[in-house]
Protein backbone atom coordinates (compact mmCIF):
# COMPACT_ATOMS: atom_id res chain seq x y z
CA MET A 1 -42.08 -4.16 31.69
CA GLU A 2 -40.52 -1.24 33.54
CA LYS A 3 -41.08 2.27 32.26
CA SER A 4 -37.86 3.80 31.00
CA LYS A 5 -36.43 6.81 32.80
CA LYS A 6 -36.92 10.10 31.03
CA THR A 7 -34.46 12.94 30.95
CA ILE A 8 -35.38 16.44 32.07
CA GLY A 9 -35.28 17.52 28.42
CA THR A 10 -37.81 14.85 27.43
CA LEU A 11 -40.09 15.84 30.31
CA VAL A 12 -39.96 19.50 29.24
CA LEU A 13 -40.72 18.50 25.63
CA GLN A 14 -43.66 16.37 26.76
CA ILE A 15 -45.13 19.18 28.88
CA ALA A 16 -44.63 21.68 26.05
CA LEU A 17 -46.28 19.36 23.51
CA GLY A 18 -49.20 18.66 25.82
CA LEU A 19 -49.83 22.36 26.37
CA LEU A 20 -49.32 23.18 22.67
CA PHE A 21 -51.91 20.61 21.61
CA ILE A 22 -54.44 21.60 24.29
CA VAL A 23 -54.23 25.29 23.38
CA GLY A 24 -54.32 24.51 19.65
CA GLY A 25 -57.37 22.30 20.14
CA ILE A 26 -59.19 24.94 22.16
CA TRP A 27 -58.42 27.59 19.53
CA THR A 28 -59.57 25.23 16.78
CA LEU A 29 -62.89 24.60 18.53
CA GLN A 30 -63.57 28.30 19.08
CA ASN A 31 -65.94 29.05 16.20
CA GLY A 32 -63.68 27.15 13.82
CA LYS A 33 -61.27 30.08 13.93
CA GLY A 34 -58.12 29.09 15.64
CA ASP A 35 -54.59 28.20 14.85
CA GLU A 36 -52.89 27.75 11.49
CA VAL A 37 -54.26 24.21 11.15
CA THR A 38 -57.78 25.62 11.06
CA SER A 39 -56.83 28.22 8.46
CA ALA A 40 -55.26 25.53 6.30
CA PHE A 41 -58.32 23.27 6.54
CA HIS A 42 -60.62 26.17 5.63
CA SER A 43 -58.47 26.95 2.59
CA ILE A 44 -58.54 23.32 1.42
CA PHE A 45 -62.16 22.42 2.26
CA SER A 46 -65.30 24.52 2.37
CA GLY A 47 -68.54 24.81 4.32
CA ASP A 48 -69.66 22.00 6.59
CA THR A 49 -66.81 19.74 5.51
CA ALA A 50 -64.24 22.26 6.78
CA LYS A 51 -66.19 22.76 10.01
CA PHE A 52 -66.41 19.01 10.61
CA ILE A 53 -62.71 18.43 9.92
CA CYS A 54 -61.79 21.32 12.24
CA LEU A 55 -64.07 19.92 14.95
CA VAL A 56 -62.52 16.45 14.70
CA PHE A 57 -58.98 17.81 14.57
CA GLY A 58 -59.61 20.15 17.52
CA ILE A 59 -60.89 17.27 19.62
CA ILE A 60 -57.92 15.13 18.61
CA GLU A 61 -55.55 17.96 19.58
CA ILE A 62 -57.12 18.34 23.03
CA VAL A 63 -57.18 14.59 23.65
CA ALA A 64 -53.55 14.31 22.50
CA GLY A 65 -52.50 17.15 24.79
CA VAL A 66 -54.29 15.68 27.80
CA PHE A 67 -52.86 12.24 27.00
CA LEU A 68 -49.32 13.63 26.84
CA LEU A 69 -49.70 15.37 30.19
CA LEU A 70 -51.37 12.35 31.84
CA ARG A 71 -48.61 10.17 30.48
CA LEU A 72 -46.25 11.95 32.88
CA PHE A 73 -48.10 10.49 35.87
CA VAL A 74 -49.93 7.38 34.64
CA PHE A 75 -48.30 4.32 33.13
CA LEU A 76 -50.34 2.97 30.22
CA ASN A 77 -50.19 -0.40 28.52
CA THR A 78 -47.22 -0.26 26.15
CA ASN A 79 -49.30 -1.20 23.08
CA LEU A 80 -51.98 1.41 23.82
CA ASP A 81 -49.32 4.04 24.55
CA SER A 82 -47.52 3.29 21.29
CA LEU A 83 -50.75 3.36 19.28
CA LEU A 84 -51.80 6.73 20.72
CA MET A 85 -48.36 8.23 20.05
CA ILE A 86 -48.48 6.98 16.44
CA ILE A 87 -51.93 8.58 16.02
CA ILE A 88 -50.58 11.89 17.38
CA MET A 89 -47.62 11.67 15.00
CA ILE A 90 -49.82 10.93 11.97
CA CYS A 91 -52.16 13.83 12.83
CA TRP A 92 -49.20 16.19 13.12
CA ILE A 93 -47.83 15.02 9.75
CA VAL A 94 -51.27 15.68 8.20
CA ALA A 95 -51.19 19.16 9.77
CA ILE A 96 -47.71 19.80 8.32
CA VAL A 97 -48.83 18.76 4.84
CA CYS A 98 -51.98 20.89 5.02
CA ILE A 99 -50.35 23.99 6.52
CA ASP A 100 -46.96 24.01 4.84
CA PHE A 101 -47.73 22.56 1.44
CA ILE A 102 -51.36 22.59 0.26
CA GLY A 103 -53.11 25.27 2.34
CA ASN A 104 -53.42 28.90 1.21
CA ASP A 105 -50.11 29.78 2.82
CA GLY A 106 -48.49 26.54 1.68
CA LEU A 107 -45.54 26.13 -0.62
CA PHE A 108 -47.67 24.90 -3.53
CA LYS A 109 -50.12 27.83 -3.40
CA ASN A 110 -48.30 30.87 -2.08
CA LEU A 111 -44.70 31.81 -2.50
CA ASP A 112 -45.56 35.51 -2.74
CA THR A 113 -44.59 35.97 0.90
CA GLY A 114 -41.19 34.44 0.21
CA PHE A 115 -39.37 31.20 0.69
CA LEU A 116 -37.77 32.13 4.03
CA PRO A 117 -41.10 32.52 5.89
CA PHE A 118 -42.11 29.11 4.52
CA LEU A 119 -38.84 27.56 5.74
CA ASN A 120 -39.25 29.18 9.14
CA ARG A 121 -42.77 27.82 9.63
CA PHE A 122 -41.83 24.41 8.21
CA ALA A 123 -38.82 24.18 10.53
CA ARG A 124 -41.00 24.98 13.57
CA HIS A 125 -43.40 22.23 12.55
CA LEU A 126 -40.53 19.78 12.11
CA ILE A 127 -39.28 20.68 15.60
CA VAL A 128 -42.69 19.68 16.99
CA LEU A 129 -42.56 16.44 14.96
CA GLY A 130 -39.08 15.76 16.33
CA ALA A 131 -40.37 16.36 19.86
CA ILE A 132 -43.23 13.92 19.25
CA LEU A 133 -40.72 11.30 18.05
CA LYS A 134 -38.49 11.93 21.09
CA VAL A 135 -41.36 11.75 23.59
CA LYS A 136 -42.70 8.63 21.83
CA ASP A 137 -39.60 6.62 22.86
């Protein structure tokens, strides 16, 4: 099966996603203090459980980022490629739920900062999800 041609926009999205996930993973692995995903996990879980979840999620972020960048140059088996993209999508949805809804800064715990900051953050996360869905095709 021939690999479909990608538009310039899709290539830019794929590079941006790859870099975003690599940087997020590195930040997450740095002493467990990293991006907003780490903060959300630490607000939901405590102690070693939070550290373990952050470690796993940081590794997944780095692997996802590297995979997305490698995918620009290496053609993978269609089934493997689809499976890895679904895993990335599921992990990002978990991050959205944790950050935007159930973490300390989430909608269900903290509206003191206002609804507009929540909508702004949620919209940015949905843009990333949309990019994942676009790159997945």
